[in-house]
PDB file of all heavy atoms in Angstrom:
ATOM      1  N   VAL A   1      42.644   1.060 -23.759  1.00  0.00           N
ATOM      2  CA  VAL A   1      42.948   2.437 -23.562  1.00  0.00           C
ATOM      3  C   VAL A   1      44.104   2.548 -22.576  1.00  0.00           C
ATOM      4  O   VAL A   1      44.030   1.956 -21.501  1.00  0.00           O
ATOM      5  CB  VAL A   1      41.765   3.233 -23.020  1.00  0.00           C
ATOM      6  CG1 VAL A   1      42.092   4.699 -22.723  1.00  0.00           C
ATOM      7  CG2 VAL A   1      40.577   3.116 -23.990  1.00  0.00           C
ATOM      8  N   GLN A   2      45.190   3.194 -22.961  1.00  0.00           N
ATOM      9  CA  GLN A   2      46.350   3.251 -22.097  1.00  0.00           C
ATOM     10  C   GLN A   2      46.051   3.805 -20.719  1.00  0.00           C
ATOM     11  O   GLN A   2      45.294   4.794 -20.571  1.00  0.00           O
ATOM     12  CB  GLN A   2      47.411   4.170 -22.751  1.00  0.00           C
ATOM     13  CG  GLN A   2      48.739   4.171 -21.963  1.00  0.00           C
ATOM     14  CD  GLN A   2      49.747   5.101 -22.575  1.00  0.00           C
ATOM     15  OE1 GLN A   2      49.465   5.867 -23.506  1.00  0.00           O
ATOM     16  NE2 GLN A   2      50.971   5.045 -22.063  1.00  0.00           N
ATOM     17  N   GLY A   3      46.537   3.097 -19.743  1.00  0.00           N
ATOM     18  CA  GLY A   3      46.383   3.499 -18.362  1.00  0.00           C
ATOM     19  C   GLY A   3      45.043   3.048 -17.731  1.00  0.00           C
ATOM     20  O   GLY A   3      44.773   3.360 -16.564  1.00  0.00           O
ATOM     21  N   HIS A   4      44.273   2.271 -18.449  1.00  0.00           N
ATOM     22  CA  HIS A   4      43.007   1.809 -17.897  1.00  0.00           C
ATOM     23  C   HIS A   4      42.869   0.315 -18.078  1.00  0.00           C
ATOM     24  O   HIS A   4      41.983  -0.206 -18.809  1.00  0.00           O
ATOM     25  CB  HIS A   4      41.823   2.539 -18.587  1.00  0.00           C
ATOM     26  CG  HIS A   4      41.803   3.990 -18.335  1.00  0.00           C
ATOM     27  ND1 HIS A   4      41.293   4.605 -17.208  1.00  0.00           N
ATOM     28  CD2 HIS A   4      42.297   5.024 -19.099  1.00  0.00           C
ATOM     29  CE1 HIS A   4      41.433   5.895 -17.293  1.00  0.00           C
ATOM     30  NE2 HIS A   4      42.073   6.205 -18.425  1.00  0.00           N
ATOM     31  N   PRO A   5      43.692  -0.427 -17.454  1.00  0.00           N
ATOM     32  CA  PRO A   5      43.645  -1.907 -17.578  1.00  0.00           C
ATOM     33  C   PRO A   5      42.384  -2.423 -16.889  1.00  0.00           C
ATOM     34  O   PRO A   5      41.996  -1.934 -15.861  1.00  0.00           O
ATOM     35  CB  PRO A   5      44.907  -2.422 -16.918  1.00  0.00           C
ATOM     36  CG  PRO A   5      45.248  -1.330 -15.890  1.00  0.00           C
ATOM     37  CD  PRO A   5      44.848  -0.058 -16.539  1.00  0.00           C
ATOM     38  N   ASN A   6      41.766  -3.451 -17.469  1.00  0.00           N
ATOM     39  CA  ASN A   6      40.596  -4.095 -16.897  1.00  0.00           C
ATOM     40  C   ASN A   6      40.677  -5.578 -17.117  1.00  0.00           C
ATOM     41  O   ASN A   6      40.496  -6.038 -18.281  1.00  0.00           O
ATOM     42  CB  ASN A   6      39.340  -3.460 -17.541  1.00  0.00           C
ATOM     43  CG  ASN A   6      38.079  -3.979 -16.827  1.00  0.00           C
ATOM     44  OD1 ASN A   6      38.058  -4.997 -16.164  1.00  0.00           O
ATOM     45  ND2 ASN A   6      37.000  -3.223 -16.962  1.00  0.00           N
ATOM     46  N   LEU A   7      40.902  -6.302 -16.096  1.00  0.00           N
ATOM     47  CA  LEU A   7      40.979  -7.778 -16.179  1.00  0.00           C
ATOM     48  C   LEU A   7      39.802  -8.431 -15.505  1.00  0.00           C
ATOM     49  O   LEU A   7      39.831  -9.651 -15.198  1.00  0.00           O
ATOM     50  CB  LEU A   7      42.298  -8.287 -15.543  1.00  0.00           C
ATOM     51  CG  LEU A   7      43.549  -8.182 -16.376  1.00  0.00           C
ATOM     52  CD1 LEU A   7      44.132  -6.775 -16.318  1.00  0.00           C
ATOM     53  CD2 LEU A   7      44.613  -9.213 -15.984  1.00  0.00           C
ATOM     54  N   ASP A   8      38.721  -7.695 -15.249  1.00  0.00           N
ATOM     55  CA  ASP A   8      37.582  -8.219 -14.473  1.00  0.00           C
ATOM     56  C   ASP A   8      37.001  -9.462 -15.136  1.00  0.00           C
ATOM     57  O   ASP A   8      36.805 -10.472 -14.532  1.00  0.00           O
ATOM     58  CB  ASP A   8      36.535  -7.179 -14.283  1.00  0.00           C
ATOM     59  CG  ASP A   8      36.984  -6.062 -13.355  1.00  0.00           C
ATOM     60  OD1 ASP A   8      38.036  -6.231 -12.715  1.00  0.00           O
ATOM     61  OD2 ASP A   8      36.325  -5.035 -13.279  1.00  0.00           O
ATOM     62  N   ASN A   9      36.667  -9.315 -16.433  1.00  0.00           N
ATOM     63  CA  ASN A   9      36.047 -10.485 -17.143  1.00  0.00           C
ATOM     64  C   ASN A   9      36.944 -11.684 -17.197  1.00  0.00           C
ATOM     65  O   ASN A   9      36.514 -12.826 -17.051  1.00  0.00           O
ATOM     66  CB  ASN A   9      35.638 -10.013 -18.579  1.00  0.00           C
ATOM     67  CG  ASN A   9      34.571  -8.983 -18.576  1.00  0.00           C
ATOM     68  OD1 ASN A   9      33.769  -8.902 -17.627  1.00  0.00           O
ATOM     69  ND2 ASN A   9      34.483  -8.224 -19.609  1.00  0.00           N
ATOM     70  N   ALA A  10      38.242 -11.429 -17.447  1.00  0.00           N
ATOM     71  CA  ALA A  10      39.169 -12.541 -17.439  1.00  0.00           C
ATOM     72  C   ALA A  10      39.250 -13.256 -16.125  1.00  0.00           C
ATOM     73  O   ALA A  10      39.245 -14.488 -16.041  1.00  0.00           O
ATOM     74  CB  ALA A  10      40.579 -12.021 -17.881  1.00  0.00           C
ATOM     75  N   MET A  11      39.302 -12.501 -15.047  1.00  0.00           N
ATOM     76  CA  MET A  11      39.489 -13.099 -13.743  1.00  0.00           C
ATOM     77  C   MET A  11      38.211 -13.821 -13.251  1.00  0.00           C
ATOM     78  O   MET A  11      38.275 -14.764 -12.496  1.00  0.00           O
ATOM     79  CB  MET A  11      39.978 -12.056 -12.725  1.00  0.00           C
ATOM     80  CG  MET A  11      41.390 -11.543 -12.992  1.00  0.00           C
ATOM     81  SD  MET A  11      42.579 -12.860 -13.341  1.00  0.00           S
ATOM     82  CE  MET A  11      42.533 -13.820 -11.818  1.00  0.00           C
ATOM     83  N   ILE A  12      37.025 -13.267 -13.674  1.00  0.00           N
ATOM     84  CA  ILE A  12      35.803 -13.985 -13.341  1.00  0.00           C
ATOM     85  C   ILE A  12      35.855 -15.383 -13.902  1.00  0.00           C
ATOM     86  O   ILE A  12      35.493 -16.385 -13.239  1.00  0.00           O
ATOM     87  CB  ILE A  12      34.562 -13.145 -13.824  1.00  0.00           C
ATOM     88  CG1 ILE A  12      34.366 -11.909 -13.016  1.00  0.00           C
ATOM     89  CG2 ILE A  12      33.323 -14.051 -13.795  1.00  0.00           C
ATOM     90  CD1 ILE A  12      33.347 -10.975 -13.583  1.00  0.00           C
ATOM     91  N   ALA A  13      36.292 -15.474 -15.168  1.00  0.00           N
ATOM     92  CA  ALA A  13      36.390 -16.783 -15.803  1.00  0.00           C
ATOM     93  C   ALA A  13      37.474 -17.665 -15.182  1.00  0.00           C
ATOM     94  O   ALA A  13      37.254 -18.844 -14.891  1.00  0.00           O
ATOM     95  CB  ALA A  13      36.661 -16.592 -17.308  1.00  0.00           C
ATOM     96  N   VAL A  14      38.639 -17.053 -14.911  1.00  0.00           N
ATOM     97  CA  VAL A  14      39.735 -17.835 -14.304  1.00  0.00           C
ATOM     98  C   VAL A  14      39.273 -18.410 -12.961  1.00  0.00           C
ATOM     99  O   VAL A  14      39.513 -19.580 -12.657  1.00  0.00           O
ATOM    100  CB  VAL A  14      40.981 -16.982 -14.157  1.00  0.00           C
ATOM    101  CG1 VAL A  14      42.028 -17.697 -13.265  1.00  0.00           C
ATOM    102  CG2 VAL A  14      41.618 -16.684 -15.520  1.00  0.00           C
ATOM    103  N   ASN A  15      38.698 -17.603 -12.156  1.00  0.00           N
ATOM    104  CA  ASN A  15      38.308 -18.022 -10.807  1.00  0.00           C
ATOM    105  C   ASN A  15      37.142 -19.027 -10.865  1.00  0.00           C
ATOM    106  O   ASN A  15      37.156 -19.978 -10.019  1.00  0.00           O
ATOM    107  CB  ASN A  15      37.900 -16.803  -9.965  1.00  0.00           C
ATOM    108  CG  ASN A  15      39.073 -15.927  -9.614  1.00  0.00           C
ATOM    109  OD1 ASN A  15      40.185 -16.393  -9.509  1.00  0.00           O
ATOM    110  ND2 ASN A  15      38.802 -14.623  -9.503  1.00  0.00           N
ATOM    111  N   ALA A  16      36.249 -18.904 -11.825  1.00  0.00           N
ATOM    112  CA  ALA A  16      35.198 -19.925 -11.955  1.00  0.00           C
ATOM    113  C   ALA A  16      35.769 -21.266 -12.368  1.00  0.00           C
ATOM    114  O   ALA A  16      35.358 -22.336 -11.818  1.00  0.00           O
ATOM    115  CB  ALA A  16      34.174 -19.440 -12.983  1.00  0.00           C
ATOM    116  N   LEU A  17      36.753 -21.248 -13.258  1.00  0.00           N
ATOM    117  CA  LEU A  17      37.361 -22.503 -13.681  1.00  0.00           C
ATOM    118  C   LEU A  17      38.164 -23.142 -12.566  1.00  0.00           C
ATOM    119  O   LEU A  17      38.113 -24.364 -12.352  1.00  0.00           O
ATOM    120  CB  LEU A  17      38.255 -22.239 -14.927  1.00  0.00           C
ATOM    121  CG  LEU A  17      37.482 -21.953 -16.219  1.00  0.00           C
ATOM    122  CD1 LEU A  17      38.304 -21.147 -17.214  1.00  0.00           C
ATOM    123  CD2 LEU A  17      36.960 -23.261 -16.841  1.00  0.00           C
ATOM    124  N   ARG A  18      38.918 -22.340 -11.819  1.00  0.00           N
ATOM    125  CA  ARG A  18      39.705 -22.873 -10.700  1.00  0.00           C
ATOM    126  C   ARG A  18      38.767 -23.400  -9.620  1.00  0.00           C
ATOM    127  O   ARG A  18      39.124 -24.362  -8.935  1.00  0.00           O
ATOM    128  CB  ARG A  18      40.622 -21.809 -10.181  1.00  0.00           C
ATOM    129  CG  ARG A  18      41.735 -21.407 -11.162  1.00  0.00           C
ATOM    130  CD  ARG A  18      42.710 -20.384 -10.598  1.00  0.00           C
ATOM    131  NE  ARG A  18      43.587 -21.082  -9.607  1.00  0.00           N
ATOM    132  CZ  ARG A  18      43.608 -20.750  -8.319  1.00  0.00           C
ATOM    133  NH1 ARG A  18      42.765 -19.874  -7.809  1.00  0.00           N
ATOM    134  NH2 ARG A  18      44.439 -21.424  -7.489  1.00  0.00           N
ATOM    135  N   ALA A  19      37.623 -22.759  -9.423  1.00  0.00           N
ATOM    136  CA  ALA A  19      36.700 -23.250  -8.412  1.00  0.00           C
ATOM    137  C   ALA A  19      36.183 -24.656  -8.737  1.00  0.00           C
ATOM    138  O   ALA A  19      35.800 -25.403  -7.851  1.00  0.00           O
ATOM    139  CB  ALA A  19      35.530 -22.287  -8.296  1.00  0.00           C
ATOM    140  N   LYS A  20      36.255 -24.986 -10.012  1.00  0.00           N
ATOM    141  CA  LYS A  20      35.830 -26.332 -10.466  1.00  0.00           C
ATOM    142  C   LYS A  20      37.026 -27.298 -10.499  1.00  0.00           C
ATOM    143  O   LYS A  20      36.929 -28.436 -11.024  1.00  0.00           O
ATOM    144  CB  LYS A  20      35.218 -26.279 -11.872  1.00  0.00           C
ATOM    145  CG  LYS A  20      33.877 -25.527 -11.906  1.00  0.00           C
ATOM    146  CD  LYS A  20      32.742 -26.402 -11.385  1.00  0.00           C
ATOM    147  CE  LYS A  20      31.376 -25.752 -11.702  1.00  0.00           C
ATOM    148  NZ  LYS A  20      30.269 -26.636 -11.302  1.00  0.00           N
ATOM    149  N   GLY A  21      38.176 -26.814 -10.014  1.00  0.00           N
ATOM    150  CA  GLY A  21      39.363 -27.685  -9.930  1.00  0.00           C
ATOM    151  C   GLY A  21      40.228 -27.715 -11.206  1.00  0.00           C
ATOM    152  O   GLY A  21      41.051 -28.558 -11.329  1.00  0.00           O
ATOM    153  N   LYS A  22      39.969 -26.787 -12.121  1.00  0.00           N
ATOM    154  CA  LYS A  22      40.710 -26.777 -13.406  1.00  0.00           C
ATOM    155  C   LYS A  22      41.953 -25.933 -13.259  1.00  0.00           C
ATOM    156  O   LYS A  22      41.962 -24.904 -12.578  1.00  0.00           O
ATOM    157  CB  LYS A  22      39.842 -26.251 -14.511  1.00  0.00           C
ATOM    158  CG  LYS A  22      38.511 -26.983 -14.691  1.00  0.00           C
ATOM    159  CD  LYS A  22      38.676 -28.466 -14.818  1.00  0.00           C
ATOM    160  CE  LYS A  22      37.326 -29.143 -14.960  1.00  0.00           C
ATOM    161  NZ  LYS A  22      37.480 -30.641 -15.033  1.00  0.00           N
ATOM    162  N   LYS A  23      43.035 -26.376 -13.905  1.00  0.00           N
ATOM    163  CA  LYS A  23      44.253 -25.628 -13.948  1.00  0.00           C
ATOM    164  C   LYS A  23      44.291 -24.739 -15.150  1.00  0.00           C
ATOM    165  O   LYS A  23      43.742 -25.090 -16.196  1.00  0.00           O
ATOM    166  CB  LYS A  23      45.481 -26.563 -13.938  1.00  0.00           C
ATOM    167  CG  LYS A  23      45.578 -27.414 -12.705  1.00  0.00           C
ATOM    168  CD  LYS A  23      46.838 -28.317 -12.707  1.00  0.00           C
ATOM    169  CE  LYS A  23      46.966 -29.074 -11.423  1.00  0.00           C
ATOM    170  NZ  LYS A  23      48.163 -29.966 -11.410  1.00  0.00           N
ATOM    171  N   MET A  24      44.980 -23.624 -15.084  1.00  0.00           N
ATOM    172  CA  MET A  24      44.855 -22.603 -16.084  1.00  0.00           C
ATOM    173  C   MET A  24      46.210 -22.186 -16.660  1.00  0.00           C
ATOM    174  O   MET A  24      47.177 -21.993 -15.888  1.00  0.00           O
ATOM    175  CB  MET A  24      44.145 -21.328 -15.536  1.00  0.00           C
ATOM    176  CG  MET A  24      42.711 -21.563 -15.142  1.00  0.00           C
ATOM    177  SD  MET A  24      41.646 -22.049 -16.485  1.00  0.00           S
ATOM    178  CE  MET A  24      41.751 -20.550 -17.505  1.00  0.00           C
ATOM    179  N   ARG A  25      46.234 -21.964 -17.996  1.00  0.00           N
ATOM    180  CA  ARG A  25      47.394 -21.385 -18.662  1.00  0.00           C
ATOM    181  C   ARG A  25      47.115 -19.934 -18.950  1.00  0.00           C
ATOM    182  O   ARG A  25      45.955 -19.535 -19.187  1.00  0.00           O
ATOM    183  CB  ARG A  25      47.733 -22.050 -20.003  1.00  0.00           C
ATOM    184  CG  ARG A  25      48.013 -23.562 -19.883  1.00  0.00           C
ATOM    185  CD  ARG A  25      48.569 -24.084 -21.213  1.00  0.00           C
ATOM    186  NE  ARG A  25      50.018 -23.671 -21.374  1.00  0.00           N
ATOM    187  CZ  ARG A  25      50.441 -22.835 -22.243  1.00  0.00           C
ATOM    188  NH1 ARG A  25      49.636 -22.218 -23.102  1.00  0.00           N
ATOM    189  NH2 ARG A  25      51.750 -22.574 -22.319  1.00  0.00           N
ATOM    190  N   GLY A  26      48.119 -19.050 -18.923  1.00  0.00           N
ATOM    191  CA  GLY A  26      47.999 -17.665 -19.281  1.00  0.00           C
ATOM    192  C   GLY A  26      48.428 -17.452 -20.749  1.00  0.00           C
ATOM    193  O   GLY A  26      49.542 -17.770 -21.098  1.00  0.00           O
ATOM    194  N   HIS A  27      47.538 -16.902 -21.528  1.00  0.00           N
ATOM    195  CA  HIS A  27      47.784 -16.688 -22.971  1.00  0.00           C
ATOM    196  C   HIS A  27      47.269 -15.338 -23.341  1.00  0.00           C
ATOM    197  O   HIS A  27      46.035 -15.113 -23.308  1.00  0.00           O
ATOM    198  CB  HIS A  27      47.088 -17.783 -23.809  1.00  0.00           C
ATOM    199  CG  HIS A  27      47.250 -17.659 -25.223  1.00  0.00           C
ATOM    200  ND1 HIS A  27      48.365 -17.995 -25.931  1.00  0.00           N
ATOM    201  CD2 HIS A  27      46.391 -17.166 -26.179  1.00  0.00           C
ATOM    202  CE1 HIS A  27      48.194 -17.768 -27.245  1.00  0.00           C
ATOM    203  NE2 HIS A  27      46.963 -17.239 -27.406  1.00  0.00           N
ATOM    204  N   ASN A  28      48.127 -14.431 -23.728  1.00  0.00           N
ATOM    205  CA  ASN A  28      49.562 -14.413 -23.644  1.00  0.00           C
ATOM    206  C   ASN A  28      49.943 -13.029 -23.091  1.00  0.00           C
ATOM    207  O   ASN A  28      49.188 -12.092 -23.133  1.00  0.00           O
ATOM    208  CB  ASN A  28      50.186 -14.610 -25.009  1.00  0.00           C
ATOM    209  CG  ASN A  28      49.571 -13.666 -26.090  1.00  0.00           C
ATOM    210  OD1 ASN A  28      49.694 -12.471 -25.985  1.00  0.00           O
ATOM    211  ND2 ASN A  28      48.893 -14.265 -27.057  1.00  0.00           N
ATOM    212  N   MET A  29      51.208 -12.908 -22.609  1.00  0.00           N
ATOM    213  CA  MET A  29      51.653 -11.681 -22.030  1.00  0.00           C
ATOM    214  C   MET A  29      51.978 -10.632 -23.155  1.00  0.00           C
ATOM    215  O   MET A  29      51.547  -9.514 -23.066  1.00  0.00           O
ATOM    216  CB  MET A  29      52.879 -11.868 -21.146  1.00  0.00           C
ATOM    217  CG  MET A  29      53.295 -10.649 -20.365  1.00  0.00           C
ATOM    218  SD  MET A  29      52.034 -10.106 -19.159  1.00  0.00           S
ATOM    219  CE  MET A  29      52.254 -11.319 -17.869  1.00  0.00           C
ATOM    220  N   PHE A  30      52.723 -11.099 -24.174  1.00  0.00           N
ATOM    221  CA  PHE A  30      53.076 -10.201 -25.310  1.00  0.00           C
ATOM    222  C   PHE A  30      52.871 -10.998 -26.583  1.00  0.00           C
ATOM    223  O   PHE A  30      53.013 -12.223 -26.657  1.00  0.00           O
ATOM    224  CB  PHE A  30      54.533  -9.732 -25.179  1.00  0.00           C
ATOM    225  CG  PHE A  30      54.771  -8.938 -23.978  1.00  0.00           C
ATOM    226  CD1 PHE A  30      55.534  -9.445 -22.905  1.00  0.00           C
ATOM    227  CD2 PHE A  30      54.282  -7.612 -23.850  1.00  0.00           C
ATOM    228  CE1 PHE A  30      55.775  -8.695 -21.758  1.00  0.00           C
ATOM    229  CE2 PHE A  30      54.519  -6.895 -22.701  1.00  0.00           C
ATOM    230  CZ  PHE A  30      55.261  -7.429 -21.662  1.00  0.00           C
ATOM    231  N   TRP A  31      52.598 -10.215 -27.669  1.00  0.00           N
ATOM    232  CA  TRP A  31      52.365 -10.795 -28.993  1.00  0.00           C
ATOM    233  C   TRP A  31      52.709  -9.710 -30.034  1.00  0.00           C
ATOM    234  O   TRP A  31      52.067  -8.665 -30.037  1.00  0.00           O
ATOM    235  CB  TRP A  31      50.912 -11.206 -29.073  1.00  0.00           C
ATOM    236  CG  TRP A  31      50.606 -12.046 -30.279  1.00  0.00           C
ATOM    237  CD1 TRP A  31      51.424 -12.595 -31.213  1.00  0.00           C
ATOM    238  CD2 TRP A  31      49.253 -12.490 -30.689  1.00  0.00           C
ATOM    239  NE1 TRP A  31      50.723 -13.378 -32.133  1.00  0.00           N
ATOM    240  CE2 TRP A  31      49.398 -13.266 -31.839  1.00  0.00           C
ATOM    241  CE3 TRP A  31      47.969 -12.242 -30.140  1.00  0.00           C
ATOM    242  CZ2 TRP A  31      48.292 -13.841 -32.481  1.00  0.00           C
ATOM    243  CZ3 TRP A  31      46.893 -12.808 -30.837  1.00  0.00           C
ATOM    244  CH2 TRP A  31      47.025 -13.609 -31.956  1.00  0.00           C
ATOM    245  N   GLY A  32      53.664  -9.978 -30.858  1.00  0.00           N
ATOM    246  CA  GLY A  32      54.127  -8.964 -31.834  1.00  0.00           C
ATOM    247  C   GLY A  32      54.095  -9.405 -33.250  1.00  0.00           C
ATOM    248  O   GLY A  32      54.857  -8.928 -34.062  1.00  0.00           O
ATOM    249  N   ASN A  33      53.147 -10.321 -33.554  1.00  0.00           N
ATOM    250  CA  ASN A  33      53.149 -10.923 -34.893  1.00  0.00           C
ATOM    251  C   ASN A  33      52.437 -10.042 -35.913  1.00  0.00           C
ATOM    252  O   ASN A  33      52.799 -10.067 -37.111  1.00  0.00           O
ATOM    253  CB  ASN A  33      52.427 -12.288 -34.819  1.00  0.00           C
ATOM    254  CG  ASN A  33      52.416 -13.003 -36.132  1.00  0.00           C
ATOM    255  OD1 ASN A  33      53.196 -12.684 -37.012  1.00  0.00           O
ATOM    256  ND2 ASN A  33      51.510 -13.935 -36.303  1.00  0.00           N
ATOM    257  N   ALA A  34      51.464  -9.267 -35.573  1.00  0.00           N
ATOM    258  CA  ALA A  34      50.704  -8.485 -36.509  1.00  0.00           C
ATOM    259  C   ALA A  34      50.282  -7.149 -35.835  1.00  0.00           C
ATOM    260  O   ALA A  34      50.400  -7.009 -34.631  1.00  0.00           O
ATOM    261  CB  ALA A  34      49.469  -9.227 -37.010  1.00  0.00           C
ATOM    262  N   LYS A  35      49.761  -6.244 -36.633  1.00  0.00           N
ATOM    263  CA  LYS A  35      49.475  -4.898 -36.089  1.00  0.00           C
ATOM    264  C   LYS A  35      48.394  -4.882 -35.043  1.00  0.00           C
ATOM    265  O   LYS A  35      48.256  -3.926 -34.284  1.00  0.00           O
ATOM    266  CB  LYS A  35      49.149  -3.960 -37.251  1.00  0.00           C
ATOM    267  CG  LYS A  35      47.893  -4.334 -37.998  1.00  0.00           C
ATOM    268  CD  LYS A  35      47.637  -3.330 -39.163  1.00  0.00           C
ATOM    269  CE  LYS A  35      46.408  -3.648 -39.956  1.00  0.00           C
ATOM    270  NZ  LYS A  35      46.185  -2.660 -41.048  1.00  0.00           N
ATOM    271  N   TYR A  36      47.551  -5.934 -34.989  1.00  0.00           N
ATOM    272  CA  TYR A  36      46.486  -5.936 -33.997  1.00  0.00           C
ATOM    273  C   TYR A  36      46.790  -6.829 -32.752  1.00  0.00           C
ATOM    274  O   TYR A  36      45.938  -7.045 -31.924  1.00  0.00           O
ATOM    275  CB  TYR A  36      45.148  -6.425 -34.649  1.00  0.00           C
ATOM    276  CG  TYR A  36      44.700  -5.504 -35.744  1.00  0.00           C
ATOM    277  CD1 TYR A  36      44.542  -6.009 -37.034  1.00  0.00           C
ATOM    278  CD2 TYR A  36      44.433  -4.186 -35.530  1.00  0.00           C
ATOM    279  CE1 TYR A  36      44.128  -5.191 -38.039  1.00  0.00           C
ATOM    280  CE2 TYR A  36      44.018  -3.349 -36.545  1.00  0.00           C
ATOM    281  CZ  TYR A  36      43.872  -3.854 -37.806  1.00  0.00           C
ATOM    282  OH  TYR A  36      43.459  -3.017 -38.843  1.00  0.00           O
ATOM    283  N   THR A  37      48.025  -7.309 -32.669  1.00  0.00           N
ATOM    284  CA  THR A  37      48.341  -8.191 -31.553  1.00  0.00           C
ATOM    285  C   THR A  37      48.973  -7.434 -30.390  1.00  0.00           C
ATOM    286  O   THR A  37      49.317  -8.048 -29.413  1.00  0.00           O
ATOM    287  CB  THR A  37      49.332  -9.272 -32.007  1.00  0.00           C
ATOM    288  OG1 THR A  37      50.497  -8.653 -32.523  1.00  0.00           O
ATOM    289  CG2 THR A  37      48.674 -10.111 -33.069  1.00  0.00           C
ATOM    290  N   HIS A  38      49.136  -6.122 -30.545  1.00  0.00           N
ATOM    291  CA  HIS A  38      49.628  -5.271 -29.410  1.00  0.00           C
ATOM    292  C   HIS A  38      48.696  -4.075 -29.406  1.00  0.00           C
ATOM    293  O   HIS A  38      48.043  -3.719 -30.426  1.00  0.00           O
ATOM    294  CB  HIS A  38      51.052  -4.900 -29.597  1.00  0.00           C
ATOM    295  CG  HIS A  38      51.311  -4.136 -30.895  1.00  0.00           C
ATOM    296  ND1 HIS A  38      51.622  -4.759 -32.089  1.00  0.00           N
ATOM    297  CD2 HIS A  38      51.224  -2.827 -31.171  1.00  0.00           C
ATOM    298  CE1 HIS A  38      51.741  -3.850 -33.035  1.00  0.00           C
ATOM    299  NE2 HIS A  38      51.520  -2.642 -32.537  1.00  0.00           N
ATOM    300  N   PRO A  39      48.580  -3.397 -28.276  1.00  0.00           N
ATOM    301  CA  PRO A  39      47.704  -2.221 -28.224  1.00  0.00           C
ATOM    302  C   PRO A  39      48.143  -1.155 -29.222  1.00  0.00           C
ATOM    303  O   PRO A  39      49.347  -0.849 -29.377  1.00  0.00           O
ATOM    304  CB  PRO A  39      47.882  -1.688 -26.782  1.00  0.00           C
ATOM    305  CG  PRO A  39      48.407  -2.871 -26.039  1.00  0.00           C
ATOM    306  CD  PRO A  39      49.202  -3.651 -26.964  1.00  0.00           C
ATOM    307  N   ARG A  40      47.193  -0.577 -29.945  1.00  0.00           N
ATOM    308  CA  ARG A  40      47.501   0.434 -30.954  1.00  0.00           C
ATOM    309  C   ARG A  40      48.168   1.645 -30.354  1.00  0.00           C
ATOM    310  O   ARG A  40      48.951   2.349 -31.051  1.00  0.00           O
ATOM    311  CB  ARG A  40      46.227   0.814 -31.718  1.00  0.00           C
ATOM    312  CG  ARG A  40      45.620  -0.309 -32.528  1.00  0.00           C
ATOM    313  CD  ARG A  40      44.450   0.211 -33.331  1.00  0.00           C
ATOM    314  NE  ARG A  40      43.716  -0.891 -33.991  1.00  0.00           N
ATOM    315  CZ  ARG A  40      42.707  -0.699 -34.800  1.00  0.00           C
ATOM    316  NH1 ARG A  40      42.267   0.508 -35.091  1.00  0.00           N
ATOM    317  NH2 ARG A  40      42.096  -1.739 -35.362  1.00  0.00           N
TER     318      ARG A  40
END
């Protein structure tokens, strides 16, 4: 929903993995391959 970003679930996972010493890649910032790869 536009204007209501929520990264809580993503960051819980990222921080849990980093706490175990794992390095993380970000996937992905933008994606324009198909109609469902960007917000409608």
